[in-house]
Amino acid sequence: MSPATLFTGRQLIWLLACPSTNSEAQQLQRENRASEGCTVMTGHQTAGRGQRGNQWLAAANENLTLSVVWHPTFLAATEQFLLSQVVALAALDWARRWLGASGETSLRVKWPNDLYAGDQKLGGILIENTLSGLKIQYSIVGIGLNVNQQAFAVPTATSLSLLTGRPYDL
C-alpha cells in the first residue's frame, strides 16, 4: 500500500541504525538511487549533525530522525531560505498535531532551524543544498524531533513525552 502522499515518502528507507540520515540520503542521491521525496529514517542515529558542525544527539528508538531528498530546481540559490521557512513551519505544525489537545502553546520556531517549547529545544532541522549555477539542484532535508526521550545530555532539551507526560508510538 502506497502512503497517501504526492511524492515525499513514496520511496521510504528504514534503517535500524546509521551514523546520519542526511549522509545516507546524500549517498543515495550521489548514486542516483533517490527518487523525488525519498525519505530515509532510522531508529538510532549515531552521529547526527546539526548546524555549524554541531552534533545532534538522539537516544535509540525514542525519537524521529529522518531526511528527505527534494529537487527544488525552481528555486534560485538566493531563495534557499524559502525552503527553510516551509520545512520549519511544517515541522512546527507536525509537532503541534502530535501534542494534540494537551498542546504546548509556547511551541515556536527559532529561525532558521530549531523547534522550541518555551526555552527548551524540541527539534532541529538541517538542510543541505547542492547548487547548480544559480539554482538549487537538490536538497537533503534532515529533521530530528525529540519524541519519547526522557533524559538529555543538555538541560535545554525536551521531548513531546516530557511535555505531555505520555509516550508516543513511533
Foldseek 3Di string as FASTA:
>chain_A
DADPDPAAPSAEAEDQEDQAQLVVVVVCVVVVNADANYKYWYQYHNFYAAPPGHTDDDDGNQWTKMKTKHFPQVAFPVCVQVVQVVVQVVVQVVLQVVLPPLGQPQWDDPPRWFTARVQATFKTWDKDFDDDVGGTGMIIIIIIGRAGDDDDPDPRHDHSCRSRVDHDDD
